[in-house]
Amino acid sequence: MDWGFHRGYETKNLRKLAYFSLKEFFETHKFHMEIKTDKQSYNVWAKNPITHPLASRDKGFDRVDCSTDLSSLEPKDIAKMVMYVNDNATNSFIQQIRRRLSILERPLMTARGDGKSYIYANFNPKYAQYALTILRTFYNFCETYKTADGKELTPAQRLGITDKVFRIE
């Protein structure tokens, strides 16, 4: 909060201060570097991550990087996007994989504690890939989640890929 006060920001809201911090930071920080040749110039990913200004409750501070060329965006737009960066959707999907695909389940400890039980040890990478493809399709097109504005949408609907919920059949 001292940072915001010394910079002349009136708010004590941490999210707003984090946004202002990122907006100033992106005036100079770039996720890409420009490569110039005799015939052209183009941007390449600089592998230049930043530390997110707000820590999450369960993991602490995250590192954020962007492989997409953002050179056409203003610092305020990049800051707004970075403020919403998290891995919640990915974590949710991985948890669903763990719960729904027994072939990918981790070994269990035996009741006596003398070793591991591989009761679901029919793991075959070929079939695991098939199952993951089916689950990913179901997750993206069939299963709805409540959005911040209260709507029930699939991830595909949120991205604008489709305008309807598909049935598994």
N, C-alpha and C. Protein backbone atom coordinates (compact mmCIF):
# COMPACT_ATOMS: atom_id res chain seq x y z
N MET A 1 0.82 -1.19 0.00
CA MET A 1 0.00 0.00 0.00
C MET A 1 0.86 1.26 0.00
N ASP A 2 2.04 1.16 0.60
CA ASP A 2 2.94 2.31 0.57
C ASP A 2 3.32 2.67 -0.86
N TRP A 3 3.49 1.64 -1.69
CA TRP A 3 3.84 1.88 -3.09
C TRP A 3 2.79 2.77 -3.74
N GLY A 4 1.50 2.42 -3.56
CA GLY A 4 0.41 3.20 -4.15
C GLY A 4 0.34 4.61 -3.60
N PHE A 5 0.54 4.76 -2.31
CA PHE A 5 0.50 6.07 -1.68
C PHE A 5 1.60 6.97 -2.24
N HIS A 6 2.82 6.44 -2.36
CA HIS A 6 3.95 7.23 -2.86
C HIS A 6 3.82 7.55 -4.35
N ARG A 7 3.04 6.77 -5.07
CA ARG A 7 2.83 7.03 -6.49
C ARG A 7 1.61 7.93 -6.73
N GLY A 8 0.88 8.25 -5.68
CA GLY A 8 -0.26 9.15 -5.82
C GLY A 8 -1.60 8.46 -6.05
N TYR A 9 -1.68 7.15 -5.85
CA TYR A 9 -2.94 6.45 -6.00
C TYR A 9 -3.73 6.55 -4.69
N GLU A 10 -4.97 6.95 -4.79
CA GLU A 10 -5.81 7.20 -3.62
C GLU A 10 -6.35 5.92 -2.99
N THR A 11 -6.44 4.84 -3.72
CA THR A 11 -7.08 3.62 -3.24
C THR A 11 -6.17 2.79 -2.34
N LYS A 12 -6.82 2.01 -1.46
CA LYS A 12 -6.10 1.03 -0.65
C LYS A 12 -6.51 -0.38 -1.06
N ASN A 13 -7.30 -0.49 -2.12
CA ASN A 13 -7.76 -1.77 -2.64
C ASN A 13 -6.57 -2.48 -3.29
N LEU A 14 -6.23 -3.67 -2.79
CA LEU A 14 -5.04 -4.38 -3.28
C LEU A 14 -5.15 -4.77 -4.74
N ARG A 15 -6.33 -5.18 -5.20
CA ARG A 15 -6.50 -5.54 -6.61
C ARG A 15 -6.25 -4.34 -7.51
N LYS A 16 -6.78 -3.19 -7.13
CA LYS A 16 -6.58 -1.99 -7.94
C LYS A 16 -5.11 -1.57 -7.93
N LEU A 17 -4.48 -1.66 -6.77
CA LEU A 17 -3.05 -1.32 -6.69
C LEU A 17 -2.21 -2.29 -7.52
N ALA A 18 -2.57 -3.57 -7.49
CA ALA A 18 -1.85 -4.55 -8.31
C ALA A 18 -2.01 -4.22 -9.79
N TYR A 19 -3.22 -3.85 -10.20
CA TYR A 19 -3.46 -3.47 -11.60
C TYR A 19 -2.60 -2.26 -11.98
N PHE A 20 -2.59 -1.22 -11.13
CA PHE A 20 -1.78 -0.04 -11.43
C PHE A 20 -0.30 -0.39 -11.50
N SER A 21 0.15 -1.26 -10.62
CA SER A 21 1.54 -1.70 -10.63
C SER A 21 1.88 -2.41 -11.94
N LEU A 22 1.00 -3.32 -12.35
CA LEU A 22 1.24 -4.03 -13.61
C LEU A 22 1.20 -3.07 -14.80
N LYS A 23 0.26 -2.15 -14.79
CA LYS A 23 0.14 -1.19 -15.90
C LYS A 23 1.44 -0.39 -16.05
N GLU A 24 2.00 0.06 -14.95
CA GLU A 24 3.28 0.77 -15.00
C GLU A 24 4.41 -0.15 -15.44
N PHE A 25 4.39 -1.37 -14.92
CA PHE A 25 5.44 -2.34 -15.24
C PHE A 25 5.47 -2.65 -16.73
N PHE A 26 4.29 -2.80 -17.35
CA PHE A 26 4.23 -3.16 -18.77
C PHE A 26 4.54 -2.00 -19.71
N GLU A 27 4.80 -0.83 -19.15
CA GLU A 27 5.30 0.27 -19.98
C GLU A 27 6.69 -0.08 -20.52
N THR A 28 7.46 -0.88 -19.73
CA THR A 28 8.82 -1.23 -20.14
C THR A 28 9.03 -2.73 -20.35
N HIS A 29 8.30 -3.56 -19.62
CA HIS A 29 8.49 -5.01 -19.72
C HIS A 29 7.83 -5.56 -20.98
N LYS A 30 8.52 -6.45 -21.65
CA LYS A 30 7.97 -7.11 -22.84
C LYS A 30 8.14 -8.62 -22.69
N PHE A 31 7.13 -9.35 -23.12
CA PHE A 31 7.21 -10.81 -23.12
C PHE A 31 7.89 -11.31 -24.39
N HIS A 32 8.12 -10.38 -25.35
CA HIS A 32 8.73 -10.73 -26.63
C HIS A 32 9.88 -9.80 -26.94
N MET A 33 10.78 -10.28 -27.79
CA MET A 33 11.85 -9.42 -28.26
C MET A 33 11.75 -9.34 -29.78
N GLU A 34 12.16 -8.22 -30.30
CA GLU A 34 12.08 -7.99 -31.73
C GLU A 34 13.37 -8.45 -32.40
N ILE A 35 13.20 -9.26 -33.43
CA ILE A 35 14.32 -9.73 -34.24
C ILE A 35 14.25 -8.98 -35.57
N LYS A 36 15.36 -8.35 -35.95
CA LYS A 36 15.40 -7.61 -37.21
C LYS A 36 16.37 -8.28 -38.16
N THR A 37 15.92 -8.47 -39.38
CA THR A 37 16.79 -8.96 -40.45
C THR A 37 16.83 -7.88 -41.53
N ASP A 38 17.56 -8.14 -42.60
CA ASP A 38 17.63 -7.18 -43.70
C ASP A 38 16.28 -6.97 -44.36
N LYS A 39 15.46 -8.02 -44.39
CA LYS A 39 14.20 -7.96 -45.11
C LYS A 39 12.98 -7.69 -44.24
N GLN A 40 13.04 -8.06 -42.95
CA GLN A 40 11.86 -7.93 -42.12
C GLN A 40 12.23 -7.87 -40.64
N SER A 41 11.24 -7.59 -39.83
CA SER A 41 11.40 -7.68 -38.38
C SER A 41 10.19 -8.45 -37.84
N TYR A 42 10.43 -9.21 -36.79
CA TYR A 42 9.35 -9.99 -36.20
C TYR A 42 9.64 -10.20 -34.72
N ASN A 43 8.59 -10.53 -33.98
CA ASN A 43 8.72 -10.75 -32.55
C ASN A 43 8.81 -12.23 -32.24
N VAL A 44 9.66 -12.58 -31.28
CA VAL A 44 9.77 -13.96 -30.80
C VAL A 44 9.62 -13.93 -29.27
N TRP A 45 9.14 -15.03 -28.75
CA TRP A 45 8.93 -15.18 -27.32
C TRP A 45 10.27 -15.03 -26.59
N ALA A 46 10.34 -14.14 -25.64
CA ALA A 46 11.59 -13.86 -24.93
C ALA A 46 11.77 -14.74 -23.69
N LYS A 47 10.76 -15.53 -23.33
CA LYS A 47 10.80 -16.35 -22.11
C LYS A 47 11.20 -15.46 -20.93
N ASN A 48 10.38 -14.45 -20.73
CA ASN A 48 10.66 -13.39 -19.77
C ASN A 48 9.48 -13.28 -18.79
N PRO A 49 9.32 -14.27 -17.89
CA PRO A 49 8.16 -14.26 -17.00
C PRO A 49 8.25 -13.19 -15.91
N ILE A 50 7.10 -12.88 -15.34
CA ILE A 50 7.03 -11.95 -14.22
C ILE A 50 6.39 -12.67 -13.03
N THR A 51 6.54 -12.09 -11.86
CA THR A 51 5.86 -12.60 -10.68
C THR A 51 4.54 -11.84 -10.55
N HIS A 52 3.44 -12.59 -10.44
CA HIS A 52 2.12 -11.96 -10.30
C HIS A 52 2.12 -11.17 -8.99
N PRO A 53 1.58 -9.94 -9.01
CA PRO A 53 1.64 -9.11 -7.80
C PRO A 53 0.77 -9.59 -6.64
N LEU A 54 -0.23 -10.43 -6.92
CA LEU A 54 -1.10 -10.94 -5.86
C LEU A 54 -0.86 -12.43 -5.68
N ALA A 55 -0.66 -12.84 -4.45
CA ALA A 55 -0.45 -14.26 -4.16
C ALA A 55 -1.79 -14.96 -4.05
N SER A 56 -1.85 -16.24 -4.46
CA SER A 56 -3.06 -17.03 -4.25
C SER A 56 -3.02 -17.62 -2.84
N ARG A 57 -4.18 -17.95 -2.32
CA ARG A 57 -4.25 -18.45 -0.94
C ARG A 57 -3.50 -19.76 -0.75
N ASP A 58 -3.59 -20.63 -1.74
CA ASP A 58 -3.05 -21.98 -1.57
C ASP A 58 -1.64 -22.17 -2.12
N LYS A 59 -1.18 -21.32 -3.03
CA LYS A 59 0.11 -21.57 -3.67
C LYS A 59 1.11 -20.44 -3.54
N GLY A 60 0.71 -19.30 -3.06
CA GLY A 60 1.63 -18.18 -2.97
C GLY A 60 1.74 -17.44 -4.30
N PHE A 61 2.89 -16.89 -4.56
CA PHE A 61 3.08 -16.09 -5.77
C PHE A 61 3.32 -16.98 -6.98
N ASP A 62 2.66 -16.64 -8.08
CA ASP A 62 2.81 -17.38 -9.34
C ASP A 62 3.69 -16.60 -10.30
N ARG A 63 4.33 -17.33 -11.19
CA ARG A 63 5.09 -16.71 -12.28
C ARG A 63 4.18 -16.71 -13.50
N VAL A 64 4.16 -15.60 -14.22
CA VAL A 64 3.30 -15.45 -15.39
C VAL A 64 4.17 -15.14 -16.60
N ASP A 65 3.93 -15.86 -17.68
CA ASP A 65 4.61 -15.60 -18.94
C ASP A 65 3.58 -15.69 -20.05
N CYS A 66 3.89 -15.16 -21.19
CA CYS A 66 2.96 -15.17 -22.31
C CYS A 66 3.71 -15.47 -23.59
N SER A 67 3.32 -16.54 -24.27
CA SER A 67 3.97 -16.89 -25.53
C SER A 67 3.28 -16.24 -26.73
N THR A 68 2.11 -15.65 -26.52
CA THR A 68 1.39 -14.96 -27.59
C THR A 68 1.95 -13.55 -27.73
N ASP A 69 2.11 -13.09 -28.95
CA ASP A 69 2.64 -11.75 -29.21
C ASP A 69 1.60 -10.71 -28.78
N LEU A 70 1.96 -9.90 -27.80
CA LEU A 70 1.05 -8.88 -27.28
C LEU A 70 1.45 -7.47 -27.72
N SER A 71 2.30 -7.36 -28.71
CA SER A 71 2.84 -6.05 -29.10
C SER A 71 1.76 -5.08 -29.59
N SER A 72 0.61 -5.57 -30.00
CA SER A 72 -0.44 -4.68 -30.49
C SER A 72 -1.34 -4.18 -29.36
N LEU A 73 -1.10 -4.63 -28.13
CA LEU A 73 -1.94 -4.23 -27.00
C LEU A 73 -1.27 -3.16 -26.15
N GLU A 74 -2.09 -2.34 -25.54
CA GLU A 74 -1.62 -1.31 -24.63
C GLU A 74 -1.27 -1.94 -23.28
N PRO A 75 -0.36 -1.31 -22.52
CA PRO A 75 -0.01 -1.84 -21.19
C PRO A 75 -1.22 -2.04 -20.27
N LYS A 76 -2.22 -1.15 -20.35
CA LYS A 76 -3.41 -1.29 -19.50
C LYS A 76 -4.20 -2.55 -19.85
N ASP A 77 -4.22 -2.92 -21.14
CA ASP A 77 -4.93 -4.13 -21.56
C ASP A 77 -4.20 -5.39 -21.12
N ILE A 78 -2.88 -5.37 -21.23
CA ILE A 78 -2.08 -6.52 -20.77
C ILE A 78 -2.22 -6.68 -19.26
N ALA A 79 -2.17 -5.56 -18.54
CA ALA A 79 -2.32 -5.61 -17.08
C ALA A 79 -3.68 -6.18 -16.69
N LYS A 80 -4.73 -5.79 -17.40
CA LYS A 80 -6.07 -6.30 -17.11
C LYS A 80 -6.13 -7.81 -17.32
N MET A 81 -5.50 -8.31 -18.38
CA MET A 81 -5.49 -9.74 -18.64
C MET A 81 -4.69 -10.49 -17.58
N VAL A 82 -3.54 -9.96 -17.22
CA VAL A 82 -2.69 -10.64 -16.24
C VAL A 82 -3.37 -10.70 -14.88
N MET A 83 -4.19 -9.71 -14.56
CA MET A 83 -4.90 -9.72 -13.29
C MET A 83 -5.81 -10.94 -13.16
N TYR A 84 -6.29 -11.47 -14.29
CA TYR A 84 -7.21 -12.61 -14.25
C TYR A 84 -6.53 -13.95 -14.52
N VAL A 85 -5.20 -13.95 -14.59
CA VAL A 85 -4.47 -15.19 -14.84
C VAL A 85 -4.53 -16.09 -13.62
N ASN A 86 -4.93 -17.34 -13.84
CA ASN A 86 -4.86 -18.36 -12.79
C ASN A 86 -4.91 -19.72 -13.46
N ASP A 87 -4.68 -20.76 -12.68
CA ASP A 87 -4.70 -22.10 -13.24
C ASP A 87 -5.89 -22.92 -12.70
N ASN A 88 -6.95 -22.24 -12.30
CA ASN A 88 -8.11 -22.93 -11.73
C ASN A 88 -8.76 -23.90 -12.72
N ALA A 89 -8.92 -23.48 -13.96
CA ALA A 89 -9.57 -24.35 -14.95
C ALA A 89 -8.71 -25.59 -15.21
N THR A 90 -7.41 -25.40 -15.31
CA THR A 90 -6.51 -26.54 -15.54
C THR A 90 -6.53 -27.49 -14.34
N ASN A 91 -6.47 -26.93 -13.13
CA ASN A 91 -6.52 -27.77 -11.94
C ASN A 91 -7.82 -28.54 -11.84
N SER A 92 -8.92 -27.89 -12.19
CA SER A 92 -10.23 -28.55 -12.16
C SER A 92 -10.26 -29.71 -13.14
N PHE A 93 -9.73 -29.49 -14.34
CA PHE A 93 -9.70 -30.55 -15.35
C PHE A 93 -8.84 -31.73 -14.88
N ILE A 94 -7.69 -31.45 -14.32
CA ILE A 94 -6.80 -32.52 -13.85
C ILE A 94 -7.46 -33.30 -12.71
N GLN A 95 -8.16 -32.60 -11.83
CA GLN A 95 -8.87 -33.30 -10.75
C GLN A 95 -9.97 -34.20 -11.32
N GLN A 96 -10.66 -33.74 -12.36
CA GLN A 96 -11.68 -34.58 -12.98
C GLN A 96 -11.05 -35.81 -13.62
N ILE A 97 -9.90 -35.64 -14.23
CA ILE A 97 -9.21 -36.79 -14.82
C ILE A 97 -8.90 -37.80 -13.72
N ARG A 98 -8.36 -37.33 -12.62
CA ARG A 98 -8.00 -38.23 -11.52
C ARG A 98 -9.21 -38.97 -10.97
N ARG A 99 -10.35 -38.27 -10.85
CA ARG A 99 -11.54 -38.89 -10.28
C ARG A 99 -12.26 -39.81 -11.25
N ARG A 100 -12.23 -39.49 -12.52
CA ARG A 100 -13.07 -40.20 -13.49
C ARG A 100 -12.37 -41.32 -14.25
N LEU A 101 -11.05 -41.28 -14.30
CA LEU A 101 -10.33 -42.29 -15.08
C LEU A 101 -9.52 -43.17 -14.13
N SER A 102 -10.08 -44.31 -13.77
CA SER A 102 -9.41 -45.17 -12.81
C SER A 102 -8.08 -45.71 -13.34
N ILE A 103 -7.93 -45.79 -14.66
CA ILE A 103 -6.67 -46.31 -15.20
C ILE A 103 -5.51 -45.36 -14.94
N LEU A 104 -5.82 -44.11 -14.63
CA LEU A 104 -4.76 -43.15 -14.34
C LEU A 104 -4.58 -42.90 -12.85
N GLU A 105 -5.35 -43.63 -12.06
CA GLU A 105 -5.29 -43.42 -10.62
C GLU A 105 -3.94 -43.84 -10.06
N ARG A 106 -3.50 -43.10 -9.08
CA ARG A 106 -2.23 -43.41 -8.43
C ARG A 106 -2.37 -44.66 -7.57
N PRO A 107 -1.27 -45.37 -7.32
CA PRO A 107 -1.36 -46.56 -6.47
C PRO A 107 -1.76 -46.19 -5.05
N LEU A 108 -2.49 -47.09 -4.42
CA LEU A 108 -2.94 -46.88 -3.04
C LEU A 108 -2.04 -47.63 -2.08
N MET A 109 -1.93 -47.11 -0.88
CA MET A 109 -1.19 -47.82 0.16
C MET A 109 -2.08 -48.95 0.69
N THR A 110 -1.50 -50.10 0.95
CA THR A 110 -2.26 -51.22 1.48
C THR A 110 -2.68 -50.92 2.92
N ALA A 111 -3.70 -51.61 3.40
CA ALA A 111 -4.22 -51.37 4.75
C ALA A 111 -3.15 -51.61 5.81
N ARG A 112 -2.29 -52.60 5.58
CA ARG A 112 -1.23 -52.89 6.56
C ARG A 112 -0.08 -51.89 6.46
N GLY A 113 -0.03 -51.12 5.39
CA GLY A 113 1.03 -50.14 5.22
C GLY A 113 2.34 -50.75 4.76
N ASP A 114 2.30 -51.99 4.27
CA ASP A 114 3.55 -52.64 3.88
C ASP A 114 3.87 -52.50 2.39
N GLY A 115 3.07 -51.80 1.67
CA GLY A 115 3.36 -51.65 0.25
C GLY A 115 2.25 -50.93 -0.47
N LYS A 116 2.37 -50.87 -1.78
CA LYS A 116 1.38 -50.19 -2.61
C LYS A 116 0.50 -51.22 -3.29
N SER A 117 -0.75 -50.84 -3.46
CA SER A 117 -1.69 -51.69 -4.16
C SER A 117 -1.96 -51.10 -5.53
N TYR A 118 -1.75 -51.88 -6.55
CA TYR A 118 -1.99 -51.42 -7.92
C TYR A 118 -3.27 -52.07 -8.44
N ILE A 119 -4.37 -51.86 -7.72
CA ILE A 119 -5.62 -52.51 -8.13
C ILE A 119 -6.15 -51.95 -9.44
N TYR A 120 -5.71 -50.75 -9.81
CA TYR A 120 -6.14 -50.16 -11.09
C TYR A 120 -4.97 -50.12 -12.06
N ALA A 121 -4.12 -51.08 -12.03
CA ALA A 121 -2.87 -51.03 -12.77
C ALA A 121 -2.99 -51.53 -14.21
N ASN A 122 -4.12 -51.32 -14.84
CA ASN A 122 -4.26 -51.71 -16.24
C ASN A 122 -3.92 -50.54 -17.16
N PHE A 123 -2.96 -49.75 -16.76
CA PHE A 123 -2.58 -48.55 -17.51
C PHE A 123 -1.97 -48.91 -18.87
N ASN A 124 -2.53 -48.33 -19.90
CA ASN A 124 -2.02 -48.47 -21.25
C ASN A 124 -2.05 -47.07 -21.85
N PRO A 125 -0.91 -46.50 -22.21
CA PRO A 125 -0.87 -45.12 -22.70
C PRO A 125 -1.80 -44.86 -23.89
N LYS A 126 -1.93 -45.83 -24.77
CA LYS A 126 -2.79 -45.66 -25.94
C LYS A 126 -4.24 -45.43 -25.51
N TYR A 127 -4.74 -46.25 -24.60
CA TYR A 127 -6.12 -46.13 -24.15
C TYR A 127 -6.29 -44.94 -23.22
N ALA A 128 -5.26 -44.62 -22.49
CA ALA A 128 -5.32 -43.43 -21.64
C ALA A 128 -5.49 -42.19 -22.50
N GLN A 129 -4.79 -42.11 -23.64
CA GLN A 129 -4.93 -40.97 -24.55
C GLN A 129 -6.34 -40.91 -25.13
N TYR A 130 -6.90 -42.05 -25.50
CA TYR A 130 -8.29 -42.07 -25.99
C TYR A 130 -9.24 -41.54 -24.92
N ALA A 131 -9.07 -42.02 -23.70
CA ALA A 131 -9.95 -41.61 -22.60
C ALA A 131 -9.81 -40.12 -22.32
N LEU A 132 -8.59 -39.60 -22.36
CA LEU A 132 -8.38 -38.18 -22.12
C LEU A 132 -9.01 -37.32 -23.20
N THR A 133 -8.95 -37.77 -24.45
CA THR A 133 -9.57 -37.03 -25.55
C THR A 133 -11.08 -36.97 -25.36
N ILE A 134 -11.68 -38.09 -24.98
CA ILE A 134 -13.12 -38.12 -24.74
C ILE A 134 -13.48 -37.21 -23.57
N LEU A 135 -12.73 -37.30 -22.47
CA LEU A 135 -13.00 -36.48 -21.30
C LEU A 135 -12.81 -35.00 -21.61
N ARG A 136 -11.76 -34.66 -22.35
CA ARG A 136 -11.52 -33.26 -22.71
C ARG A 136 -12.68 -32.71 -23.55
N THR A 137 -13.16 -33.51 -24.50
CA THR A 137 -14.28 -33.08 -25.33
C THR A 137 -15.53 -32.89 -24.49
N PHE A 138 -15.80 -33.87 -23.60
CA PHE A 138 -16.96 -33.76 -22.70
C PHE A 138 -16.84 -32.52 -21.83
N TYR A 139 -15.68 -32.31 -21.25
CA TYR A 139 -15.46 -31.17 -20.35
C TYR A 139 -15.67 -29.84 -21.08
N ASN A 140 -15.19 -29.72 -22.31
CA ASN A 140 -15.27 -28.46 -23.03
C ASN A 140 -16.61 -28.18 -23.69
N PHE A 141 -17.36 -29.24 -24.06
CA PHE A 141 -18.59 -29.03 -24.82
C PHE A 141 -19.87 -29.46 -24.13
N CYS A 142 -19.79 -30.31 -23.10
CA CYS A 142 -21.00 -30.86 -22.48
C CYS A 142 -21.23 -30.40 -21.05
N GLU A 143 -20.20 -30.22 -20.28
CA GLU A 143 -20.35 -29.91 -18.86
C GLU A 143 -20.33 -28.41 -18.64
N THR A 144 -21.40 -27.92 -18.00
CA THR A 144 -21.52 -26.49 -17.76
C THR A 144 -20.98 -26.13 -16.38
N TYR A 145 -20.56 -24.87 -16.27
CA TYR A 145 -20.07 -24.31 -15.02
C TYR A 145 -20.65 -22.92 -14.87
N LYS A 146 -20.88 -22.53 -13.64
CA LYS A 146 -21.43 -21.20 -13.38
C LYS A 146 -20.32 -20.17 -13.56
N THR A 147 -20.60 -19.18 -14.40
CA THR A 147 -19.63 -18.11 -14.66
C THR A 147 -19.77 -17.03 -13.59
N ALA A 148 -18.91 -16.04 -13.63
CA ALA A 148 -18.93 -14.97 -12.65
C ALA A 148 -20.24 -14.19 -12.69
N ASP A 149 -20.86 -14.11 -13.86
CA ASP A 149 -22.14 -13.40 -13.96
C ASP A 149 -23.35 -14.30 -13.74
N GLY A 150 -23.13 -15.54 -13.28
CA GLY A 150 -24.22 -16.43 -12.90
C GLY A 150 -24.77 -17.31 -14.01
N LYS A 151 -24.22 -17.23 -15.21
CA LYS A 151 -24.71 -18.06 -16.32
C LYS A 151 -24.08 -19.44 -16.26
N GLU A 152 -24.82 -20.45 -16.70
CA GLU A 152 -24.30 -21.82 -16.80
C GLU A 152 -23.81 -22.03 -18.22
N LEU A 153 -22.50 -22.07 -18.42
CA LEU A 153 -21.91 -22.21 -19.75
C LEU A 153 -20.81 -23.26 -19.74
N THR A 154 -20.57 -23.85 -20.91
CA THR A 154 -19.43 -24.75 -21.07
C THR A 154 -18.20 -23.89 -21.39
N PRO A 155 -16.99 -24.42 -21.23
CA PRO A 155 -15.81 -23.67 -21.63
C PRO A 155 -15.85 -23.25 -23.11
N ALA A 156 -16.38 -24.12 -23.98
CA ALA A 156 -16.47 -23.79 -25.41
C ALA A 156 -17.41 -22.61 -25.64
N GLN A 157 -18.50 -22.54 -24.89
CA GLN A 157 -19.41 -21.40 -25.02
C GLN A 157 -18.74 -20.12 -24.53
N ARG A 158 -17.99 -20.20 -23.45
CA ARG A 158 -17.32 -19.01 -22.92
C ARG A 158 -16.31 -18.46 -23.90
N LEU A 159 -15.67 -19.35 -24.69
CA LEU A 159 -14.69 -18.91 -25.69
C LEU A 159 -15.34 -18.49 -27.01
N GLY A 160 -16.65 -18.74 -27.15
CA GLY A 160 -17.35 -18.37 -28.38
C GLY A 160 -17.23 -19.39 -29.49
N ILE A 161 -16.77 -20.61 -29.18
CA ILE A 161 -16.63 -21.66 -30.19
C ILE A 161 -18.00 -22.20 -30.59
N THR A 162 -18.92 -22.26 -29.64
CA THR A 162 -20.27 -22.75 -29.90
C THR A 162 -21.25 -21.93 -29.07
N ASP A 163 -22.53 -22.03 -29.42
CA ASP A 163 -23.54 -21.29 -28.66
C ASP A 163 -24.51 -22.23 -27.94
N LYS A 164 -24.21 -23.54 -27.91
CA LYS A 164 -25.10 -24.47 -27.24
C LYS A 164 -24.31 -25.49 -26.43
N VAL A 165 -25.04 -26.13 -25.52
CA VAL A 165 -24.47 -27.22 -24.71
C VAL A 165 -24.75 -28.52 -25.45
N PHE A 166 -23.72 -29.32 -25.67
CA PHE A 166 -23.89 -30.60 -26.34
C PHE A 166 -24.18 -31.69 -25.33
N ARG A 167 -24.86 -32.73 -25.79
CA ARG A 167 -25.13 -33.89 -24.95
C ARG A 167 -24.07 -34.95 -25.28
N ILE A 168 -23.74 -35.77 -24.32
CA ILE A 168 -22.69 -36.78 -24.51
C ILE A 168 -23.07 -37.78 -25.61
N GLU A 169 -24.34 -38.02 -25.80
CA GLU A 169 -24.77 -38.96 -26.84
C GLU A 169 -24.41 -38.43 -28.22
